[in-house]
PDB file of N, CA and C in Angstrom:
ATOM      1  N   MET A   1     -17.308 -71.821-155.282  1.00  0.00           N
ATOM      2  CA  MET A   1     -17.040 -70.396-155.198  1.00  0.00           C
ATOM      3  C   MET A   1     -18.324 -69.620-154.864  1.00  0.00           C
ATOM      4  N   LYS A   2     -19.424 -69.991-155.550  1.00  0.00           N
ATOM      5  CA  LYS A   2     -20.684 -69.299-155.284  1.00  0.00           C
ATOM      6  C   LYS A   2     -21.143 -69.535-153.849  1.00  0.00           C
ATOM      7  N   LYS A   3     -20.915 -70.743-153.354  1.00  0.00           N
ATOM      8  CA  LYS A   3     -21.314 -71.083-151.986  1.00  0.00           C
ATOM      9  C   LYS A   3     -20.535 -70.239-150.975  1.00  0.00           C
ATOM     10  N   GLU A   4     -19.214 -70.082-151.201  1.00  0.00           N
ATOM     11  CA  GLU A   4     -18.388 -69.261-150.305  1.00  0.00           C
ATOM     12  C   GLU A   4     -18.823 -67.806-150.348  1.00  0.00           C
ATOM     13  N   LEU A   5     -19.136 -67.312-151.545  1.00  0.00           N
ATOM     14  CA  LEU A   5     -19.592 -65.931-151.693  1.00  0.00           C
ATOM     15  C   LEU A   5     -20.925 -65.731-150.971  1.00  0.00           C
ATOM     16  N   LEU A   6     -21.798 -66.700-151.061  1.00  0.00           N
ATOM     17  CA  LEU A   6     -23.085 -66.642-150.379  1.00  0.00           C
ATOM     18  C   LEU A   6     -22.905 -66.616-148.860  1.00  0.00           C
ATOM     19  N   ILE A   7     -21.995 -67.439-148.348  1.00  0.00           N
ATOM     20  CA  ILE A   7     -21.730 -67.487-146.913  1.00  0.00           C
ATOM     21  C   ILE A   7     -21.152 -66.157-146.429  1.00  0.00           C
ATOM     22  N   VAL A   8     -20.180 -65.613-147.164  1.00  0.00           N
ATOM     23  CA  VAL A   8     -19.584 -64.324-146.794  1.00  0.00           C
ATOM     24  C   VAL A   8     -20.641 -63.231-146.828  1.00  0.00           C
ATOM     25  N   GLY A   9     -21.498 -63.237-147.835  1.00  0.00           N
ATOM     26  CA  GLY A   9     -22.576 -62.252-147.928  1.00  0.00           C
ATOM     27  C   GLY A   9     -23.529 -62.341-146.750  1.00  0.00           C
ATOM     28  N   ALA A  10     -23.887 -63.570-146.377  1.00  0.00           N
ATOM     29  CA  ALA A  10     -24.791 -63.761-145.244  1.00  0.00           C
ATOM     30  C   ALA A  10     -24.163 -63.258-143.949  1.00  0.00           C
ATOM     31  N   ILE A  11     -22.878 -63.523-143.769  1.00  0.00           N
ATOM     32  CA  ILE A  11     -22.175 -63.049-142.566  1.00  0.00           C
ATOM     33  C   ILE A  11     -22.152 -61.528-142.530  1.00  0.00           C
ATOM     34  N   LEU A  12     -21.879 -60.887-143.659  1.00  0.00           N
ATOM     35  CA  LEU A  12     -21.862 -59.420-143.709  1.00  0.00           C
ATOM     36  C   LEU A  12     -23.235 -58.834-143.383  1.00  0.00           C
ATOM     37  N   ILE A  13     -24.276 -59.462-143.884  1.00  0.00           N
ATOM     38  CA  ILE A  13     -25.628 -58.982-143.577  1.00  0.00           C
ATOM     39  C   ILE A  13     -25.914 -59.119-142.085  1.00  0.00           C
ATOM     40  N   LEU A  14     -25.576 -60.256-141.495  1.00  0.00           N
ATOM     41  CA  LEU A  14     -25.800 -60.455-140.062  1.00  0.00           C
ATOM     42  C   LEU A  14     -25.019 -59.453-139.226  1.00  0.00           C
ATOM     43  N   LEU A  15     -23.770 -59.194-139.591  1.00  0.00           N
ATOM     44  CA  LEU A  15     -22.967 -58.219-138.858  1.00  0.00           C
ATOM     45  C   LEU A  15     -23.551 -56.820-138.971  1.00  0.00           C
ATOM     46  N   THR A  16     -24.013 -56.458-140.147  1.00  0.00           N
ATOM     47  CA  THR A  16     -24.605 -55.134-140.350  1.00  0.00           C
ATOM     48  C   THR A  16     -25.857 -54.974-139.502  1.00  0.00           C
ATOM     49  N   VAL A  17     -26.715 -55.980-139.498  1.00  0.00           N
ATOM     50  CA  VAL A  17     -27.936 -55.925-138.694  1.00  0.00           C
ATOM     51  C   VAL A  17     -27.593 -55.866-137.218  1.00  0.00           C
ATOM     52  N   ASP A  18     -26.623 -56.666-136.773  1.00  0.00           N
ATOM     53  CA  ASP A  18     -26.226 -56.685-135.367  1.00  0.00           C
ATOM     54  C   ASP A  18     -25.671 -55.333-134.944  1.00  0.00           C
ATOM     55  N   LEU A  19     -24.788 -54.748-135.733  1.00  0.00           N
ATOM     56  CA  LEU A  19     -24.193 -53.460-135.383  1.00  0.00           C
ATOM     57  C   LEU A  19     -25.212 -52.342-135.466  1.00  0.00           C
ATOM     58  N   SER A  20     -26.130 -52.399-136.398  1.00  0.00           N
ATOM     59  CA  SER A  20     -27.136 -51.347-136.485  1.00  0.00           C
ATOM     60  C   SER A  20     -28.048 -51.390-135.270  1.00  0.00           C
ATOM     61  N   GLY A  21     -28.281 -52.569-134.689  1.00  0.00           N
ATOM     62  CA  GLY A  21     -29.059 -52.671-133.466  1.00  0.00           C
ATOM     63  C   GLY A  21     -28.396 -51.952-132.316  1.00  0.00           C
ATOM     64  N   CYS A  22     -27.059 -52.056-132.219  1.00  0.00           N
ATOM     65  CA  CYS A  22     -26.312 -51.347-131.179  1.00  0.00           C
ATOM     66  C   CYS A  22     -26.442 -49.846-131.361  1.00  0.00           C
ATOM     67  N   MET A  23     -26.328 -49.403-132.579  1.00  0.00           N
ATOM     68  CA  MET A  23     -26.424 -47.976-132.856  1.00  0.00           C
ATOM     69  C   MET A  23     -27.819 -47.463-132.518  1.00  0.00           C
ATOM     70  N   ASP A  24     -28.859 -48.238-132.867  1.00  0.00           N
ATOM     71  CA  ASP A  24     -30.214 -47.812-132.575  1.00  0.00           C
ATOM     72  C   ASP A  24     -30.439 -47.689-131.077  1.00  0.00           C
ATOM     73  N   GLU A  25     -29.909 -48.622-130.303  1.00  0.00           N
ATOM     74  CA  GLU A  25     -30.089 -48.583-128.849  1.00  0.00           C
ATOM     75  C   GLU A  25     -29.419 -47.345-128.260  1.00  0.00           C
ATOM     76  N   LYS A  26     -28.189 -47.060-128.659  1.00  0.00           N
ATOM     77  CA  LYS A  26     -27.485 -45.890-128.156  1.00  0.00           C
ATOM     78  C   LYS A  26     -28.193 -44.607-128.580  1.00  0.00           C
ATOM     79  N   SER A  27     -28.730 -44.582-129.779  1.00  0.00           N
ATOM     80  CA  SER A  27     -29.370 -43.362-130.275  1.00  0.00           C
ATOM     81  C   SER A  27     -30.597 -42.985-129.450  1.00  0.00           C
ATOM     82  N   LYS A  28     -31.206 -43.962-128.764  1.00  0.00           N
ATOM     83  CA  LYS A  28     -32.350 -43.654-127.901  1.00  0.00           C
ATOM     84  C   LYS A  28     -31.957 -42.719-126.759  1.00  0.00           C
ATOM     85  N   PHE A  29     -30.693 -42.761-126.341  1.00  0.00           N
ATOM     86  CA  PHE A  29     -30.233 -41.964-125.208  1.00  0.00           C
ATOM     87  C   PHE A  29     -29.858 -40.536-125.597  1.00  0.00           C
ATOM     88  N   ILE A  30     -29.378 -40.325-126.806  1.00  0.00           N
ATOM     89  CA  ILE A  30     -28.730 -39.071-127.190  1.00  0.00           C
ATOM     90  C   ILE A  30     -29.727 -37.927-127.225  1.00  0.00           C
ATOM     91  N   ARG A  31     -29.675 -37.116-126.183  1.00  0.00           N
ATOM     92  CA  ARG A  31     -30.507 -35.926-125.986  1.00  0.00           C
ATOM     93  C   ARG A  31     -30.397 -35.532-124.521  1.00  0.00           C
ATOM     94  N   SER A  32     -31.134 -34.534-124.121  1.00  0.00           N
ATOM     95  CA  SER A  32     -31.199 -34.142-122.708  1.00  0.00           C
ATOM     96  C   SER A  32     -32.449 -34.739-122.079  1.00  0.00           C
ATOM     97  N   TRP A  33     -32.286 -35.147-120.824  1.00  0.00           N
ATOM     98  CA  TRP A  33     -33.367 -35.766-120.062  1.00  0.00           C
ATOM     99  C   TRP A  33     -33.534 -35.019-118.738  1.00  0.00           C
ATOM    100  N   GLN A  34     -34.758 -34.798-118.329  1.00  0.00           N
ATOM    101  CA  GLN A  34     -35.092 -34.123-117.072  1.00  0.00           C
ATOM    102  C   GLN A  34     -35.452 -35.170-116.029  1.00  0.00           C
ATOM    103  N   ALA A  35     -34.810 -35.098-114.863  1.00  0.00           N
ATOM    104  CA  ALA A  35     -35.124 -36.018-113.773  1.00  0.00           C
ATOM    105  C   ALA A  35     -36.402 -35.585-113.084  1.00  0.00           C
ATOM    106  N   THR A  36     -37.130 -36.547-112.527  1.00  0.00           N
ATOM    107  CA  THR A  36     -38.391 -36.259-111.844  1.00  0.00           C
ATOM    108  C   THR A  36     -38.191 -35.246-110.721  1.00  0.00           C
ATOM    109  N   GLY A  37     -37.147 -35.398-109.926  1.00  0.00           N
ATOM    110  CA  GLY A  37     -36.901 -34.491-108.807  1.00  0.00           C
ATOM    111  C   GLY A  37     -36.079 -33.262-109.165  1.00  0.00           C
ATOM    112  N   GLY A  38     -35.851 -33.013-110.440  1.00  0.00           N
ATOM    113  CA  GLY A  38     -35.025 -31.896-110.887  1.00  0.00           C
ATOM    114  C   GLY A  38     -33.679 -32.389-111.384  1.00  0.00           C
ATOM    115  N   GLY A  39     -32.966 -31.547-112.054  1.00  0.00           N
ATOM    116  CA  GLY A  39     -31.672 -31.900-112.615  1.00  0.00           C
ATOM    117  C   GLY A  39     -31.808 -32.489-114.011  1.00  0.00           C
ATOM    118  N   THR A  40     -30.684 -32.550-114.705  1.00  0.00           N
ATOM    119  CA  THR A  40     -30.699 -33.066-116.069  1.00  0.00           C
ATOM    120  C   THR A  40     -29.503 -33.968-116.334  1.00  0.00           C
ATOM    121  N   ILE A  41     -29.692 -34.834-117.292  1.00  0.00           N
ATOM    122  CA  ILE A  41     -28.607 -35.644-117.832  1.00  0.00           C
ATOM    123  C   ILE A  41     -28.656 -35.452-119.344  1.00  0.00           C
ATOM    124  N   THR A  42     -27.523 -35.082-119.929  1.00  0.00           N
ATOM    125  CA  THR A  42     -27.432 -34.950-121.376  1.00  0.00           C
ATOM    126  C   THR A  42     -26.446 -35.974-121.903  1.00  0.00           C
ATOM    127  N   PHE A  43     -26.936 -36.876-122.745  1.00  0.00           N
ATOM    128  CA  PHE A  43     -26.107 -37.887-123.386  1.00  0.00           C
ATOM    129  C   PHE A  43     -25.691 -37.349-124.745  1.00  0.00           C
ATOM    130  N   ASN A  44     -24.396 -37.315-125.008  1.00  0.00           N
ATOM    131  CA  ASN A  44     -23.866 -36.841-126.281  1.00  0.00           C
ATOM    132  C   ASN A  44     -23.490 -38.024-127.170  1.00  0.00           C
ATOM    133  N   SER A  45     -23.434 -37.786-128.471  1.00  0.00           N
ATOM    134  CA  SER A  45     -23.129 -38.863-129.421  1.00  0.00           C
ATOM    135  C   SER A  45     -21.688 -39.350-129.327  1.00  0.00           C
ATOM    136  N   ASP A  46     -20.797 -38.580-128.673  1.00  0.00           N
ATOM    137  CA  ASP A  46     -19.391 -38.994-128.529  1.00  0.00           C
ATOM    138  C   ASP A  46     -19.161 -39.814-127.255  1.00  0.00           C
ATOM    139  N   ASN A  47     -20.238 -40.356-126.676  1.00  0.00           N
ATOM    140  CA  ASN A  47     -20.199 -41.194-125.464  1.00  0.00           C
ATOM    141  C   ASN A  47     -19.846 -40.419-124.197  1.00  0.00           C
ATOM    142  N   THR A  48     -19.961 -39.105-124.225  1.00  0.00           N
ATOM    143  CA  THR A  48     -19.794 -38.327-123.003  1.00  0.00           C
ATOM    144  C   THR A  48     -21.186 -37.944-122.496  1.00  0.00           C
ATOM    145  N   VAL A  49     -21.224 -37.636-121.217  1.00  0.00           N
ATOM    146  CA  VAL A  49     -22.492 -37.280-120.597  1.00  0.00           C
ATOM    147  C   VAL A  49     -22.256 -36.097-119.654  1.00  0.00           C
ATOM    148  N   VAL A  50     -23.237 -35.196-119.586  1.00  0.00           N
ATOM    149  CA  VAL A  50     -23.193 -34.065-118.662  1.00  0.00           C
ATOM    150  C   VAL A  50     -24.319 -34.269-117.662  1.00  0.00           C
ATOM    151  N   ILE A  51     -23.956 -34.330-116.379  1.00  0.00           N
ATOM    152  CA  ILE A  51     -24.929 -34.575-115.313  1.00  0.00           C
ATOM    153  C   ILE A  51     -24.974 -33.337-114.420  1.00  0.00           C
ATOM    154  N   ILE A  52     -26.175 -32.764-114.281  1.00  0.00           N
ATOM    155  CA  ILE A  52     -26.340 -31.558-113.464  1.00  0.00           C
ATOM    156  C   ILE A  52     -27.436 -31.790-112.435  1.00  0.00           C
ATOM    157  N   ASP A  53     -27.067 -31.666-111.164  1.00  0.00           N
ATOM    158  CA  ASP A  53     -28.017 -31.698-110.047  1.00  0.00           C
ATOM    159  C   ASP A  53     -28.891 -32.948-109.985  1.00  0.00           C
ATOM    160  N   ILE A  54     -28.301 -34.116-110.180  1.00  0.00           N
ATOM    161  CA  ILE A  54     -29.046 -35.363-110.062  1.00  0.00           C
ATOM    162  C   ILE A  54     -28.686 -35.985-108.722  1.00  0.00           C
ATOM    163  N   GLY A  55     -29.692 -36.253-107.886  1.00  0.00           N
ATOM    164  CA  GLY A  55     -29.478 -36.742-106.530  1.00  0.00           C
ATOM    165  C   GLY A  55     -28.581 -37.954-106.422  1.00  0.00           C
ATOM    166  N   MET A  56     -28.797 -38.971-107.237  1.00  0.00           N
ATOM    167  CA  MET A  56     -28.005 -40.183-107.094  1.00  0.00           C
ATOM    168  C   MET A  56     -26.564 -39.991-107.535  1.00  0.00           C
ATOM    169  N   PHE A  57     -26.270 -38.869-108.212  1.00  0.00           N
ATOM    170  CA  PHE A  57     -24.911 -38.583-108.636  1.00  0.00           C
ATOM    171  C   PHE A  57     -24.316 -37.410-107.855  1.00  0.00           C
ATOM    172  N   GLY A  58     -25.041 -36.876-106.882  1.00  0.00           N
ATOM    173  CA  GLY A  58     -24.581 -35.727-106.118  1.00  0.00           C
ATOM    174  C   GLY A  58     -25.367 -34.498-106.534  1.00  0.00           C
ATOM    175  N   PHE A  59     -25.457 -33.538-105.658  1.00  0.00           N
ATOM    176  CA  PHE A  59     -26.265 -32.358-105.928  1.00  0.00           C
ATOM    177  C   PHE A  59     -25.435 -31.212-106.474  1.00  0.00           C
ATOM    178  N   ILE A  60     -24.434 -31.511-107.232  1.00  0.00           N
ATOM    179  CA  ILE A  60     -23.608 -30.484-107.854  1.00  0.00           C
ATOM    180  C   ILE A  60     -23.374 -30.869-109.311  1.00  0.00           C
ATOM    181  N   GLU A  61     -22.958 -29.912-110.091  1.00  0.00           N
ATOM    182  CA  GLU A  61     -22.610 -30.223-111.466  1.00  0.00           C
ATOM    183  C   GLU A  61     -21.280 -30.962-111.467  1.00  0.00           C
ATOM    184  N   LEU A  62     -21.239 -32.090-112.132  1.00  0.00           N
ATOM    185  CA  LEU A  62     -19.998 -32.848-112.225  1.00  0.00           C
ATOM    186  C   LEU A  62     -19.168 -32.268-113.361  1.00  0.00           C
ATOM    187  N   THR A  63     -17.943 -31.867-113.051  1.00  0.00           N
ATOM    188  CA  THR A  63     -17.138 -31.167-114.041  1.00  0.00           C
ATOM    189  C   THR A  63     -16.120 -32.057-114.731  1.00  0.00           C
ATOM    190  N   GLU A  64     -15.873 -33.250-114.194  1.00  0.00           N
ATOM    191  CA  GLU A  64     -14.925 -34.129-114.860  1.00  0.00           C
ATOM    192  C   GLU A  64     -15.577 -34.757-116.086  1.00  0.00           C
ATOM    193  N   ILE A  65     -14.767 -35.348-116.939  1.00  0.00           N
ATOM    194  CA  ILE A  65     -15.297 -36.006-118.124  1.00  0.00           C
ATOM    195  C   ILE A  65     -15.908 -37.333-117.715  1.00  0.00           C
ATOM    196  N   ILE A  66     -17.183 -37.481-118.003  1.00  0.00           N
ATOM    197  CA  ILE A  66     -17.903 -38.704-117.699  1.00  0.00           C
ATOM    198  C   ILE A  66     -18.302 -39.327-119.030  1.00  0.00           C
ATOM    199  N   THR A  67     -18.043 -40.605-119.160  1.00  0.00           N
ATOM    200  CA  THR A  67     -18.438 -41.315-120.376  1.00  0.00           C
ATOM    201  C   THR A  67     -19.501 -42.343-120.032  1.00  0.00           C
ATOM    202  N   TYR A  68     -20.158 -42.830-121.054  1.00  0.00           N
ATOM    203  CA  TYR A  68     -21.150 -43.876-120.849  1.00  0.00           C
ATOM    204  C   TYR A  68     -21.047 -44.897-121.979  1.00  0.00           C
ATOM    205  N   SER A  69     -21.479 -46.100-121.669  1.00  0.00           N
ATOM    206  CA  SER A  69     -21.578 -47.146-122.678  1.00  0.00           C
ATOM    207  C   SER A  69     -22.850 -47.944-122.404  1.00  0.00           C
ATOM    208  N   VAL A  70     -23.424 -48.489-123.466  1.00  0.00           N
ATOM    209  CA  VAL A  70     -24.695 -49.188-123.385  1.00  0.00           C
ATOM    210  C   VAL A  70     -24.511 -50.606-123.922  1.00  0.00           C
ATOM    211  N   ALA A  71     -24.946 -51.597-123.137  1.00  0.00           N
ATOM    212  CA  ALA A  71     -24.905 -52.994-123.596  1.00  0.00           C
ATOM    213  C   ALA A  71     -25.798 -53.845-122.696  1.00  0.00           C
ATOM    214  N   ASN A  72     -26.533 -54.753-123.281  1.00  0.00           N
ATOM    215  CA  ASN A  72     -27.320 -55.740-122.525  1.00  0.00           C
ATOM    216  C   ASN A  72     -28.274 -55.119-121.510  1.00  0.00           C
ATOM    217  N   GLN A  73     -29.004 -54.094-121.919  1.00  0.00           N
ATOM    218  CA  GLN A  73     -29.965 -53.409-121.050  1.00  0.00           C
ATOM    219  C   GLN A  73     -29.324 -52.775-119.827  1.00  0.00           C
ATOM    220  N   GLN A  74     -28.032 -52.464-119.926  1.00  0.00           N
ATOM    221  CA  GLN A  74     -27.324 -51.771-118.852  1.00  0.00           C
ATOM    222  C   GLN A  74     -26.551 -50.596-119.428  1.00  0.00           C
ATOM    223  N   ILE A  75     -26.420 -49.567-118.624  1.00  0.00           N
ATOM    224  CA  ILE A  75     -25.628 -48.404-118.994  1.00  0.00           C
ATOM    225  C   ILE A  75     -24.552 -48.224-117.928  1.00  0.00           C
ATOM    226  N   THR A  76     -23.321 -48.008-118.367  1.00  0.00           N
ATOM    227  CA  THR A  76     -22.209 -47.827-117.440  1.00  0.00           C
ATOM    228  C   THR A  76     -21.693 -46.408-117.577  1.00  0.00           C
ATOM    229  N   PHE A  77     -21.651 -45.696-116.448  1.00  0.00           N
ATOM    230  CA  PHE A  77     -21.069 -44.356-116.375  1.00  0.00           C
ATOM    231  C   PHE A  77     -19.655 -44.513-115.837  1.00  0.00           C
ATOM    232  N   SER A  78     -18.691 -43.832-116.447  1.00  0.00           N
ATOM    233  CA  SER A  78     -17.296 -43.934-116.008  1.00  0.00           C
ATOM    234  C   SER A  78     -16.663 -42.559-115.942  1.00  0.00           C
ATOM    235  N   ALA A  79     -15.863 -42.363-114.896  1.00  0.00           N
ATOM    236  CA  ALA A  79     -15.040 -41.161-114.749  1.00  0.00           C
ATOM    237  C   ALA A  79     -13.666 -41.654-114.312  1.00  0.00           C
ATOM    238  N   GLY A  80     -12.716 -41.643-115.240  1.00  0.00           N
ATOM    239  CA  GLY A  80     -11.403 -42.198-114.935  1.00  0.00           C
ATOM    240  C   GLY A  80     -11.522 -43.693-114.690  1.00  0.00           C
ATOM    241  N   SER A  81     -11.002 -44.144-113.560  1.00  0.00           N
ATOM    242  CA  SER A  81     -11.039 -45.578-113.249  1.00  0.00           C
ATOM    243  C   SER A  81     -12.276 -45.982-112.452  1.00  0.00           C
ATOM    244  N   ILE A  82     -13.174 -45.036-112.171  1.00  0.00           N
ATOM    245  CA  ILE A  82     -14.374 -45.316-111.384  1.00  0.00           C
ATOM    246  C   ILE A  82     -15.567 -45.459-112.323  1.00  0.00           C
ATOM    247  N   GLY A  83     -16.366 -46.485-112.092  1.00  0.00           N
ATOM    248  CA  GLY A  83     -17.537 -46.694-112.934  1.00  0.00           C
ATOM    249  C   GLY A  83     -18.721 -47.179-112.134  1.00  0.00           C
ATOM    250  N   LYS A  84     -19.898 -46.940-112.666  1.00  0.00           N
ATOM    251  CA  LYS A  84     -21.139 -47.395-112.040  1.00  0.00           C
ATOM    252  C   LYS A  84     -22.057 -47.895-113.141  1.00  0.00           C
ATOM    253  N   THR A  85     -22.531 -49.131-113.008  1.00  0.00           N
ATOM    254  CA  THR A  85     -23.425 -49.724-113.995  1.00  0.00           C
ATOM    255  C   THR A  85     -24.839 -49.783-113.439  1.00  0.00           C
ATOM    256  N   LEU A  86     -25.786 -49.340-114.241  1.00  0.00           N
ATOM    257  CA  LEU A  86     -27.197 -49.340-113.876  1.00  0.00           C
ATOM    258  C   LEU A  86     -27.993 -50.075-114.945  1.00  0.00           C
ATOM    259  N   ASN A  87     -29.119 -50.620-114.553  1.00  0.00           N
ATOM    260  CA  ASN A  87     -30.051 -51.183-115.523  1.00  0.00           C
ATOM    261  C   ASN A  87     -30.870 -50.036-116.092  1.00  0.00           C
ATOM    262  N   TYR A  88     -31.344 -50.209-117.312  1.00  0.00           N
ATOM    263  CA  TYR A  88     -32.210 -49.180-117.870  1.00  0.00           C
ATOM    264  C   TYR A  88     -33.373 -49.817-118.603  1.00  0.00           C
ATOM    265  N   SER A  89     -34.441 -49.029-118.718  1.00  0.00           N
ATOM    266  CA  SER A  89     -35.589 -49.423-119.525  1.00  0.00           C
ATOM    267  C   SER A  89     -36.263 -48.152-120.022  1.00  0.00           C
ATOM    268  N   PHE A  90     -36.944 -48.292-121.134  1.00  0.00           N
ATOM    269  CA  PHE A  90     -37.743 -47.198-121.685  1.00  0.00           C
ATOM    270  C   PHE A  90     -39.198 -47.621-121.561  1.00  0.00           C
ATOM    271  N   SER A  91     -39.975 -46.907-120.722  1.00  0.00           N
ATOM    272  CA  SER A  91     -41.389 -47.261-120.608  1.00  0.00           C
ATOM    273  C   SER A  91     -42.141 -46.811-121.851  1.00  0.00           C
ATOM    274  N   ASP A  92     -41.665 -45.769-122.489  1.00  0.00           N
ATOM    275  CA  ASP A  92     -42.053 -45.367-123.839  1.00  0.00           C
ATOM    276  C   ASP A  92     -40.896 -44.534-124.372  1.00  0.00           C
ATOM    277  N   SER A  93     -41.025 -43.969-125.540  1.00  0.00           N
ATOM    278  CA  SER A  93     -39.880 -43.266-126.128  1.00  0.00           C
ATOM    279  C   SER A  93     -39.519 -41.983-125.389  1.00  0.00           C
ATOM    280  N   ASN A  94     -40.393 -41.511-124.505  1.00  0.00           N
ATOM    281  CA  ASN A  94     -40.140 -40.268-123.780  1.00  0.00           C
ATOM    282  C   ASN A  94     -39.725 -40.474-122.331  1.00  0.00           C
ATOM    283  N   ILE A  95     -39.743 -41.705-121.826  1.00  0.00           N
ATOM    284  CA  ILE A  95     -39.434 -41.993-120.425  1.00  0.00           C
ATOM    285  C   ILE A  95     -38.301 -43.020-120.346  1.00  0.00           C
ATOM    286  N   LEU A  96     -37.234 -42.654-119.639  1.00  0.00           N
ATOM    287  CA  LEU A  96     -36.089 -43.530-119.395  1.00  0.00           C
ATOM    288  C   LEU A  96     -36.014 -43.785-117.897  1.00  0.00           C
ATOM    289  N   ILE A  97     -35.918 -45.044-117.507  1.00  0.00           N
ATOM    290  CA  ILE A  97     -35.825 -45.392-116.091  1.00  0.00           C
ATOM    291  C   ILE A  97     -34.493 -46.088-115.843  1.00  0.00           C
ATOM    292  N   LEU A  98     -33.694 -45.527-114.920  1.00  0.00           N
ATOM    293  CA  LEU A  98     -32.427 -46.121-114.503  1.00  0.00           C
ATOM    294  C   LEU A  98     -32.630 -46.734-113.128  1.00  0.00           C
ATOM    295  N   THR A  99     -32.179 -47.973-112.937  1.00  0.00           N
ATOM    296  CA  THR A  99     -32.312 -48.638-111.645  1.00  0.00           C
ATOM    297  C   THR A  99     -30.989 -49.283-111.253  1.00  0.00           C
ATOM    298  N   ASN A 100     -30.764 -49.368-109.932  1.00  0.00           N
ATOM    299  CA  ASN A 100     -29.559 -50.061-109.466  1.00  0.00           C
ATOM    300  C   ASN A 100     -29.946 -51.421-108.906  1.00  0.00           C
ATOM    301  N   ASP A 101     -28.961 -52.150-108.415  1.00  0.00           N
ATOM    302  CA  ASP A 101     -29.207 -53.521-107.974  1.00  0.00           C
ATOM    303  C   ASP A 101     -29.916 -53.626-106.622  1.00  0.00           C
ATOM    304  N   VAL A 102     -30.132 -52.521-105.925  1.00  0.00           N
ATOM    305  CA  VAL A 102     -30.884 -52.563-104.662  1.00  0.00           C
ATOM    306  C   VAL A 102     -32.272 -51.945-104.805  1.00  0.00           C
ATOM    307  N   GLY A 103     -32.698 -51.695-106.051  1.00  0.00           N
ATOM    308  CA  GLY A 103     -34.058 -51.246-106.294  1.00  0.00           C
ATOM    309  C   GLY A 103     -34.299 -49.756-106.366  1.00  0.00           C
ATOM    310  N   LEU A 104     -33.267 -48.939-106.177  1.00  0.00           N
ATOM    311  CA  LEU A 104     -33.445 -47.502-106.325  1.00  0.00           C
ATOM    312  C   LEU A 104     -33.577 -47.171-107.800  1.00  0.00           C
ATOM    313  N   SER A 105     -34.412 -46.182-108.114  1.00  0.00           N
ATOM    314  CA  SER A 105     -34.609 -45.837-109.523  1.00  0.00           C
ATOM    315  C   SER A 105     -34.636 -44.329-109.713  1.00  0.00           C
ATOM    316  N   LEU A 106     -34.336 -43.946-110.940  1.00  0.00           N
ATOM    317  CA  LEU A 106     -34.383 -42.542-111.361  1.00  0.00           C
ATOM    318  C   LEU A 106     -35.164 -42.512-112.652  1.00  0.00           C
ATOM    319  N   THR A 107     -36.248 -41.720-112.670  1.00  0.00           N
ATOM    320  CA  THR A 107     -37.073 -41.594-113.869  1.00  0.00           C
ATOM    321  C   THR A 107     -36.713 -40.301-114.577  1.00  0.00           C
ATOM    322  N   LEU A 108     -36.423 -40.416-115.865  1.00  0.00           N
ATOM    323  CA  LEU A 108     -36.035 -39.268-116.680  1.00  0.00           C
ATOM    324  C   LEU A 108     -37.031 -39.105-117.828  1.00  0.00           C
ATOM    325  N   THR A 109     -37.359 -37.856-118.125  1.00  0.00           N
ATOM    326  CA  THR A 109     -38.287 -37.533-119.223  1.00  0.00           C
ATOM    327  C   THR A 109     -37.525 -36.774-120.298  1.00  0.00           C
ATOM    328  N   LYS A 110     -37.761 -37.169-121.547  1.00  0.00           N
ATOM    329  CA  LYS A 110     -37.094 -36.511-122.673  1.00  0.00           C
ATOM    330  C   LYS A 110     -37.456 -35.028-122.684  1.00  0.00           C
ATOM    331  N   MET A 111     -36.451 -34.193-122.865  1.00  0.00           N
ATOM    332  CA  MET A 111     -36.682 -32.740-122.939  1.00  0.00           C
ATOM    333  C   MET A 111     -36.857 -32.335-124.389  1.00  0.00           C
TER     334      MET A 111
END
């Protein structure tokens, strides 16, 4: 009985640590970011995002509901059935770099 309780406890600890890692990664995004060439991206805690005047997303404010998800060093933006996945990295806590599979990148600075 003690052995089973120990195993269940260990599994719960591992799950808690694993899930808290996901939360920590997402929390790095939640705020407004300024693009190098102008425009902003605001990541909200409810997985929605507001994109204004960002070149790679168009030079207009996007008015539809856009969501995002983060996993495996990639961020996926979705609007309805359309989605775009980009790689991301943080060069430090104030700089977010989004890149696509052909080498284009967007550098964002925490506002």
